Amino acid sequence: MQTFEQDTNVYEFPDECVVMPDFDKKPFFTKLSGAQAIHAKGCDIIAIPDEVTLYLIEAKDYSHSNPSENLRRLRNWRGP
């Protein structure tokens, strides 16, 4: 099992899964996104469990924010 910590969250992936943590902090991505020509958005973790699946994970830690505000947003969310 592969274990990665992002913010204060822990993510676990099977050993056969290809994982790239801190993707948006890698030098090749920061150079690419810094050009602003492509308007690249990053993600925290990239995981590839098999030949046809790709996970782009953007980790968020809301434990430090206002819980009542988060609850209000969730109640008012209408989805895509």
PDB file of N, CA and C in Angstrom:
ATOM      1  N   MET A   1       0.843  -1.174   0.000  1.00  0.00           N
ATOM      2  CA  MET A   1       0.000   0.000   0.000  1.00  0.00           C
ATOM      3  C   MET A   1       0.895   1.246   0.000  1.00  0.00           C
ATOM      4  N   GLN A   2       0.569   2.188  -0.873  1.00  0.00           N
ATOM      5  CA  GLN A   2       1.276   3.472  -0.929  1.00  0.00           C
ATOM      6  C   GLN A   2       0.464   4.510  -0.153  1.00  0.00           C
ATOM      7  N   THR A   3       1.118   5.273   0.693  1.00  0.00           N
ATOM      8  CA  THR A   3       0.438   6.270   1.507  1.00  0.00           C
ATOM      9  C   THR A   3       1.046   7.640   1.256  1.00  0.00           C
ATOM     10  N   PHE A   4       0.170   8.634   1.041  1.00  0.00           N
ATOM     11  CA  PHE A   4       0.611  10.007   0.806  1.00  0.00           C
ATOM     12  C   PHE A   4      -0.213  10.947   1.671  1.00  0.00           C
ATOM     13  N   GLU A   5       0.444  11.965   2.196  1.00  0.00           N
ATOM     14  CA  GLU A   5      -0.267  12.978   2.970  1.00  0.00           C
ATOM     15  C   GLU A   5      -0.329  14.264   2.154  1.00  0.00           C
ATOM     16  N   GLN A   6      -1.500  14.826   2.067  1.00  0.00           N
ATOM     17  CA  GLN A   6      -1.719  16.096   1.369  1.00  0.00           C
ATOM     18  C   GLN A   6      -2.532  16.975   2.300  1.00  0.00           C
ATOM     19  N   ASP A   7      -1.999  18.143   2.637  1.00  0.00           N
ATOM     20  CA  ASP A   7      -2.583  18.985   3.675  1.00  0.00           C
ATOM     21  C   ASP A   7      -2.613  18.142   4.943  1.00  0.00           C
ATOM     22  N   THR A   8      -3.759  17.910   5.525  1.00  0.00           N
ATOM     23  CA  THR A   8      -3.812  17.054   6.722  1.00  0.00           C
ATOM     24  C   THR A   8      -4.531  15.740   6.437  1.00  0.00           C
ATOM     25  N   ASN A   9      -4.763  15.449   5.160  1.00  0.00           N
ATOM     26  CA  ASN A   9      -5.452  14.223   4.758  1.00  0.00           C
ATOM     27  C   ASN A   9      -4.450  13.169   4.307  1.00  0.00           C
ATOM     28  N   VAL A  10      -4.780  11.913   4.560  1.00  0.00           N
ATOM     29  CA  VAL A  10      -3.930  10.802   4.151  1.00  0.00           C
ATOM     30  C   VAL A  10      -4.655  10.024   3.053  1.00  0.00           C
ATOM     31  N   TYR A  11      -3.951   9.751   1.967  1.00  0.00           N
ATOM     32  CA  TYR A  11      -4.491   9.014   0.831  1.00  0.00           C
ATOM     33  C   TYR A  11      -3.707   7.723   0.684  1.00  0.00           C
ATOM     34  N   GLU A  12      -4.420   6.620   0.479  1.00  0.00           N
ATOM     35  CA  GLU A  12      -3.782   5.320   0.307  1.00  0.00           C
ATOM     36  C   GLU A  12      -4.164   4.749  -1.058  1.00  0.00           C
ATOM     37  N   PHE A  13      -3.164   4.185  -1.729  1.00  0.00           N
ATOM     38  CA  PHE A  13      -3.359   3.589  -3.042  1.00  0.00           C
ATOM     39  C   PHE A  13      -2.703   2.219  -3.057  1.00  0.00           C
ATOM     40  N   PRO A  14      -3.264   1.278  -3.815  1.00  0.00           N
ATOM     41  CA  PRO A  14      -2.635  -0.041  -3.941  1.00  0.00           C
ATOM     42  C   PRO A  14      -1.242   0.095  -4.557  1.00  0.00           C
ATOM     43  N   ASP A  15      -0.369  -0.844  -4.265  1.00  0.00           N
ATOM     44  CA  ASP A  15       1.003  -0.810  -4.777  1.00  0.00           C
ATOM     45  C   ASP A  15       1.069  -0.799  -6.299  1.00  0.00           C
ATOM     46  N   GLU A  16       0.107  -1.443  -6.969  1.00  0.00           N
ATOM     47  CA  GLU A  16       0.148  -1.499  -8.435  1.00  0.00           C
ATOM     48  C   GLU A  16      -0.336  -0.202  -9.090  1.00  0.00           C
ATOM     49  N   CYS A  17      -0.810   0.734  -8.322  1.00  0.00           N
ATOM     50  CA  CYS A  17      -1.294   2.013  -8.844  1.00  0.00           C
ATOM     51  C   CYS A  17      -0.118   2.983  -9.021  1.00  0.00           C
ATOM     52  N   VAL A  18      -0.041   3.618 -10.188  1.00  0.00           N
ATOM     53  CA  VAL A  18       0.979   4.652 -10.422  1.00  0.00           C
ATOM     54  C   VAL A  18       0.453   5.950  -9.813  1.00  0.00           C
ATOM     55  N   VAL A  19       1.236   6.548  -8.917  1.00  0.00           N
ATOM     56  CA  VAL A  19       0.780   7.752  -8.210  1.00  0.00           C
ATOM     57  C   VAL A  19       1.848   8.835  -8.298  1.00  0.00           C
ATOM     58  N   MET A  20       1.415  10.055  -8.575  1.00  0.00           N
ATOM     59  CA  MET A  20       2.311  11.205  -8.584  1.00  0.00           C
ATOM     60  C   MET A  20       1.738  12.259  -7.627  1.00  0.00           C
ATOM     61  N   PRO A  21       2.226  12.276  -6.378  1.00  0.00           N
ATOM     62  CA  PRO A  21       1.745  13.281  -5.430  1.00  0.00           C
ATOM     63  C   PRO A  21       2.385  14.643  -5.718  1.00  0.00           C
ATOM     64  N   ASP A  22       1.749  15.698  -5.232  1.00  0.00           N
ATOM     65  CA  ASP A  22       2.249  17.073  -5.402  1.00  0.00           C
ATOM     66  C   ASP A  22       2.496  17.419  -6.862  1.00  0.00           C
ATOM     67  N   PHE A  23       1.606  16.969  -7.740  1.00  0.00           N
ATOM     68  CA  PHE A  23       1.791  17.192  -9.173  1.00  0.00           C
ATOM     69  C   PHE A  23       1.948  18.671  -9.508  1.00  0.00           C
ATOM     70  N   ASP A  24       1.130  19.532  -8.916  1.00  0.00           N
ATOM     71  CA  ASP A  24       1.192  20.947  -9.274  1.00  0.00           C
ATOM     72  C   ASP A  24       2.387  21.682  -8.665  1.00  0.00           C
ATOM     73  N   LYS A  25       3.236  20.951  -7.936  1.00  0.00           N
ATOM     74  CA  LYS A  25       4.476  21.541  -7.410  1.00  0.00           C
ATOM     75  C   LYS A  25       5.712  21.036  -8.151  1.00  0.00           C
ATOM     76  N   LYS A  26       5.517  20.116  -9.074  1.00  0.00           N
ATOM     77  CA  LYS A  26       6.648  19.576  -9.844  1.00  0.00           C
ATOM     78  C   LYS A  26       7.207  20.643 -10.778  1.00  0.00           C
ATOM     79  N   PRO A  27       8.535  20.706 -10.935  1.00  0.00           N
ATOM     80  CA  PRO A  27       9.153  21.750 -11.767  1.00  0.00           C
ATOM     81  C   PRO A  27       8.623  21.812 -13.193  1.00  0.00           C
ATOM     82  N   PHE A  28       8.383  20.649 -13.816  1.00  0.00           N
ATOM     83  CA  PHE A  28       7.897  20.697 -15.199  1.00  0.00           C
ATOM     84  C   PHE A  28       6.506  21.307 -15.278  1.00  0.00           C
ATOM     85  N   PHE A  29       5.677  21.095 -14.254  1.00  0.00           N
ATOM     86  CA  PHE A  29       4.339  21.682 -14.290  1.00  0.00           C
ATOM     87  C   PHE A  29       4.378  23.175 -13.973  1.00  0.00           C
ATOM     88  N   THR A  30       5.165  23.574 -12.983  1.00  0.00           N
ATOM     89  CA  THR A  30       5.210  24.997 -12.636  1.00  0.00           C
ATOM     90  C   THR A  30       5.777  25.824 -13.777  1.00  0.00           C
ATOM     91  N   LYS A  31       6.741  25.269 -14.506  1.00  0.00           N
ATOM     92  CA  LYS A  31       7.278  25.981 -15.668  1.00  0.00           C
ATOM     93  C   LYS A  31       6.221  26.095 -16.763  1.00  0.00           C
ATOM     94  N   LEU A  32       5.502  25.009 -16.999  1.00  0.00           N
ATOM     95  CA  LEU A  32       4.455  24.987 -18.016  1.00  0.00           C
ATOM     96  C   LEU A  32       3.306  25.931 -17.650  1.00  0.00           C
ATOM     97  N   SER A  33       2.844  25.861 -16.421  1.00  0.00           N
ATOM     98  CA  SER A  33       1.715  26.693 -16.014  1.00  0.00           C
ATOM     99  C   SER A  33       2.125  28.153 -15.864  1.00  0.00           C
ATOM    100  N   GLY A  34       3.384  28.395 -15.586  1.00  0.00           N
ATOM    101  CA  GLY A  34       3.870  29.766 -15.450  1.00  0.00           C
ATOM    102  C   GLY A  34       3.896  30.519 -16.759  1.00  0.00           C
ATOM    103  N   ALA A  35       3.884  29.800 -17.879  1.00  0.00           N
ATOM    104  CA  ALA A  35       3.905  30.449 -19.194  1.00  0.00           C
ATOM    105  C   ALA A  35       2.597  31.174 -19.482  1.00  0.00           C
ATOM    106  N   GLN A  36       1.525  30.763 -18.826  1.00  0.00           N
ATOM    107  CA  GLN A  36       0.191  31.360 -18.985  1.00  0.00           C
ATOM    108  C   GLN A  36      -0.368  31.260 -20.398  1.00  0.00           C
ATOM    109  N   ALA A  37       0.364  30.696 -21.309  1.00  0.00           N
ATOM    110  CA  ALA A  37      -0.139  30.551 -22.676  1.00  0.00           C
ATOM    111  C   ALA A  37      -1.190  29.454 -22.760  1.00  0.00           C
ATOM    112  N   ILE A  38      -1.097  28.481 -21.877  1.00  0.00           N
ATOM    113  CA  ILE A  38      -2.041  27.363 -21.939  1.00  0.00           C
ATOM    114  C   ILE A  38      -3.080  27.412 -20.822  1.00  0.00           C
ATOM    115  N   HIS A  39      -2.931  28.334 -19.890  1.00  0.00           N
ATOM    116  CA  HIS A  39      -3.863  28.461 -18.757  1.00  0.00           C
ATOM    117  C   HIS A  39      -4.050  27.137 -18.031  1.00  0.00           C
ATOM    118  N   ALA A  40      -2.954  26.492 -17.706  1.00  0.00           N
ATOM    119  CA  ALA A  40      -2.994  25.172 -17.070  1.00  0.00           C
ATOM    120  C   ALA A  40      -3.447  25.271 -15.618  1.00  0.00           C
ATOM    121  N   LYS A  41      -4.259  24.332 -15.226  1.00  0.00           N
ATOM    122  CA  LYS A  41      -4.678  24.187 -13.838  1.00  0.00           C
ATOM    123  C   LYS A  41      -4.045  22.914 -13.309  1.00  0.00           C
ATOM    124  N   GLY A  42      -3.608  22.951 -12.078  1.00  0.00           N
ATOM    125  CA  GLY A  42      -2.951  21.794 -11.496  1.00  0.00           C
ATOM    126  C   GLY A  42      -3.887  20.957 -10.658  1.00  0.00           C
ATOM    127  N   CYS A  43      -3.356  19.902 -10.127  1.00  0.00           N
ATOM    128  CA  CYS A  43      -4.066  19.078  -9.160  1.00  0.00           C
ATOM    129  C   CYS A  43      -3.015  18.535  -8.202  1.00  0.00           C
ATOM    130  N   ASP A  44      -3.467  18.118  -7.041  1.00  0.00           N
ATOM    131  CA  ASP A  44      -2.527  17.692  -6.011  1.00  0.00           C
ATOM    132  C   ASP A  44      -1.958  16.294  -6.245  1.00  0.00           C
ATOM    133  N   ILE A  45      -2.801  15.377  -6.672  1.00  0.00           N
ATOM    134  CA  ILE A  45      -2.362  13.989  -6.847  1.00  0.00           C
ATOM    135  C   ILE A  45      -2.906  13.447  -8.164  1.00  0.00           C
ATOM    136  N   ILE A  46      -2.064  12.768  -8.903  1.00  0.00           N
ATOM    137  CA  ILE A  46      -2.497  12.025 -10.085  1.00  0.00           C
ATOM    138  C   ILE A  46      -2.325  10.546  -9.754  1.00  0.00           C
ATOM    139  N   ALA A  47      -3.373   9.773 -10.009  1.00  0.00           N
ATOM    140  CA  ALA A  47      -3.312   8.331  -9.762  1.00  0.00           C
ATOM    141  C   ALA A  47      -3.813   7.591 -10.997  1.00  0.00           C
ATOM    142  N   ILE A  48      -3.071   6.560 -11.401  1.00  0.00           N
ATOM    143  CA  ILE A  48      -3.437   5.743 -12.561  1.00  0.00           C
ATOM    144  C   ILE A  48      -3.474   4.283 -12.085  1.00  0.00           C
ATOM    145  N   PRO A  49      -4.667   3.776 -11.775  1.00  0.00           N
ATOM    146  CA  PRO A  49      -4.761   2.408 -11.253  1.00  0.00           C
ATOM    147  C   PRO A  49      -4.701   1.325 -12.321  1.00  0.00           C
ATOM    148  N   ASP A  50      -5.050   1.668 -13.576  1.00  0.00           N
ATOM    149  CA  ASP A  50      -5.012   0.683 -14.648  1.00  0.00           C
ATOM    150  C   ASP A  50      -4.860   1.413 -15.986  1.00  0.00           C
ATOM    151  N   GLU A  51      -4.965   0.681 -17.074  1.00  0.00           N
ATOM    152  CA  GLU A  51      -4.705   1.247 -18.400  1.00  0.00           C
ATOM    153  C   GLU A  51      -5.784   2.206 -18.890  1.00  0.00           C
ATOM    154  N   VAL A  52      -6.939   2.226 -18.263  1.00  0.00           N
ATOM    155  CA  VAL A  52      -8.051   3.042 -18.772  1.00  0.00           C
ATOM    156  C   VAL A  52      -8.589   4.066 -17.765  1.00  0.00           C
ATOM    157  N   THR A  53      -7.979   4.165 -16.592  1.00  0.00           N
ATOM    158  CA  THR A  53      -8.505   5.041 -15.550  1.00  0.00           C
ATOM    159  C   THR A  53      -7.450   6.039 -15.098  1.00  0.00           C
ATOM    160  N   LEU A  54      -7.870   7.283 -14.964  1.00  0.00           N
ATOM    161  CA  LEU A  54      -6.999   8.358 -14.479  1.00  0.00           C
ATOM    162  C   LEU A  54      -7.765   9.147 -13.437  1.00  0.00           C
ATOM    163  N   TYR A  55      -7.175   9.321 -12.262  1.00  0.00           N
ATOM    164  CA  TYR A  55      -7.775  10.138 -11.214  1.00  0.00           C
ATOM    165  C   TYR A  55      -6.947  11.401 -11.045  1.00  0.00           C
ATOM    166  N   LEU A  56      -7.610  12.541 -11.101  1.00  0.00           N
ATOM    167  CA  LEU A  56      -6.994  13.833 -10.806  1.00  0.00           C
ATOM    168  C   LEU A  56      -7.609  14.305  -9.497  1.00  0.00           C
ATOM    169  N   ILE A  57      -6.806  14.369  -8.461  1.00  0.00           N
ATOM    170  CA  ILE A  57      -7.329  14.645  -7.119  1.00  0.00           C
ATOM    171  C   ILE A  57      -6.870  16.023  -6.661  1.00  0.00           C
ATOM    172  N   GLU A  58      -7.814  16.867  -6.338  1.00  0.00           N
ATOM    173  CA  GLU A  58      -7.543  18.180  -5.761  1.00  0.00           C
ATOM    174  C   GLU A  58      -7.979  18.100  -4.303  1.00  0.00           C
ATOM    175  N   ALA A  59      -7.013  18.047  -3.399  1.00  0.00           N
ATOM    176  CA  ALA A  59      -7.301  17.878  -1.980  1.00  0.00           C
ATOM    177  C   ALA A  59      -7.677  19.210  -1.351  1.00  0.00           C
ATOM    178  N   LYS A  60      -8.688  19.177  -0.525  1.00  0.00           N
ATOM    179  CA  LYS A  60      -9.116  20.362   0.215  1.00  0.00           C
ATOM    180  C   LYS A  60      -9.252  19.993   1.683  1.00  0.00           C
ATOM    181  N   ASP A  61      -8.832  20.896   2.537  1.00  0.00           N
ATOM    182  CA  ASP A  61      -8.961  20.698   3.974  1.00  0.00           C
ATOM    183  C   ASP A  61      -9.813  21.835   4.520  1.00  0.00           C
ATOM    184  N   TYR A  62     -11.050  21.529   4.842  1.00  0.00           N
ATOM    185  CA  TYR A  62     -11.967  22.542   5.349  1.00  0.00           C
ATOM    186  C   TYR A  62     -12.054  22.536   6.870  1.00  0.00           C
ATOM    187  N   SER A  63     -11.226  21.767   7.527  1.00  0.00           N
ATOM    188  CA  SER A  63     -11.315  21.669   8.982  1.00  0.00           C
ATOM    189  C   SER A  63     -10.956  22.981   9.679  1.00  0.00           C
ATOM    190  N   HIS A  64     -10.201  23.831   9.028  1.00  0.00           N
ATOM    191  CA  HIS A  64      -9.793  25.089   9.643  1.00  0.00           C
ATOM    192  C   HIS A  64     -10.754  26.238   9.356  1.00  0.00           C
ATOM    193  N   SER A  65     -11.690  26.029   8.454  1.00  0.00           N
ATOM    194  CA  SER A  65     -12.596  27.107   8.067  1.00  0.00           C
ATOM    195  C   SER A  65     -13.848  27.114   8.941  1.00  0.00           C
ATOM    196  N   ASN A  66     -14.762  27.970   8.605  1.00  0.00           N
ATOM    197  CA  ASN A  66     -15.986  28.141   9.357  1.00  0.00           C
ATOM    198  C   ASN A  66     -16.958  26.993   9.061  1.00  0.00           C
ATOM    199  N   PRO A  67     -17.185  26.074  10.001  1.00  0.00           N
ATOM    200  CA  PRO A  67     -18.047  24.921   9.732  1.00  0.00           C
ATOM    201  C   PRO A  67     -19.475  25.317   9.347  1.00  0.00           C
ATOM    202  N   SER A  68     -20.021  26.337   9.963  1.00  0.00           N
ATOM    203  CA  SER A  68     -21.399  26.716   9.641  1.00  0.00           C
ATOM    204  C   SER A  68     -21.496  27.264   8.220  1.00  0.00           C
ATOM    205  N   GLU A  69     -20.481  27.955   7.750  1.00  0.00           N
ATOM    206  CA  GLU A  69     -20.469  28.466   6.373  1.00  0.00           C
ATOM    207  C   GLU A  69     -20.378  27.303   5.386  1.00  0.00           C
ATOM    208  N   ASN A  70     -19.553  26.304   5.687  1.00  0.00           N
ATOM    209  CA  ASN A  70     -19.449  25.127   4.825  1.00  0.00           C
ATOM    210  C   ASN A  70     -20.784  24.389   4.757  1.00  0.00           C
ATOM    211  N   LEU A  71     -21.462  24.258   5.882  1.00  0.00           N
ATOM    212  CA  LEU A  71     -22.747  23.585   5.917  1.00  0.00           C
ATOM    213  C   LEU A  71     -23.781  24.359   5.095  1.00  0.00           C
ATOM    214  N   ARG A  72     -23.781  25.668   5.191  1.00  0.00           N
ATOM    215  CA  ARG A  72     -24.700  26.494   4.406  1.00  0.00           C
ATOM    216  C   ARG A  72     -24.459  26.285   2.913  1.00  0.00           C
ATOM    217  N   ARG A  73     -23.210  26.264   2.505  1.00  0.00           N
ATOM    218  CA  ARG A  73     -22.886  26.052   1.086  1.00  0.00           C
ATOM    219  C   ARG A  73     -23.356  24.691   0.603  1.00  0.00           C
ATOM    220  N   LEU A  74     -23.153  23.653   1.432  1.00  0.00           N
ATOM    221  CA  LEU A  74     -23.591  22.310   1.048  1.00  0.00           C
ATOM    222  C   LEU A  74     -25.118  22.239   0.916  1.00  0.00           C
ATOM    223  N   ARG A  75     -25.822  22.879   1.825  1.00  0.00           N
ATOM    224  CA  ARG A  75     -27.282  22.860   1.761  1.00  0.00           C
ATOM    225  C   ARG A  75     -27.813  23.589   0.555  1.00  0.00           C
ATOM    226  N   ASN A  76     -27.127  24.631   0.103  1.00  0.00           N
ATOM    227  CA  ASN A  76     -27.584  25.431  -1.032  1.00  0.00           C
ATOM    228  C   ASN A  76     -27.058  24.931  -2.378  1.00  0.00           C
ATOM    229  N   TRP A  77     -26.187  23.934  -2.360  1.00  0.00           N
ATOM    230  CA  TRP A  77     -25.587  23.443  -3.602  1.00  0.00           C
ATOM    231  C   TRP A  77     -26.618  22.720  -4.435  1.00  0.00           C
ATOM    232  N   ARG A  78     -26.684  23.027  -5.718  1.00  0.00           N
ATOM    233  CA  ARG A  78     -27.671  22.426  -6.625  1.00  0.00           C
ATOM    234  C   ARG A  78     -27.048  21.431  -7.591  1.00  0.00           C
ATOM    235  N   GLY A  79     -25.749  21.300  -7.562  1.00  0.00           N
ATOM    236  CA  GLY A  79     -25.077  20.347  -8.439  1.00  0.00           C
ATOM    237  C   GLY A  79     -24.853  20.877  -9.837  1.00  0.00           C
ATOM    238  N   PRO A  80     -24.111  20.133 -10.641  1.00  0.00           N
ATOM    239  CA  PRO A  80     -23.808  20.580 -12.001  1.00  0.00           C
ATOM    240  C   PRO A  80     -25.031  20.522 -12.913  1.00  0.00           C
TER     241      PRO A  80
END
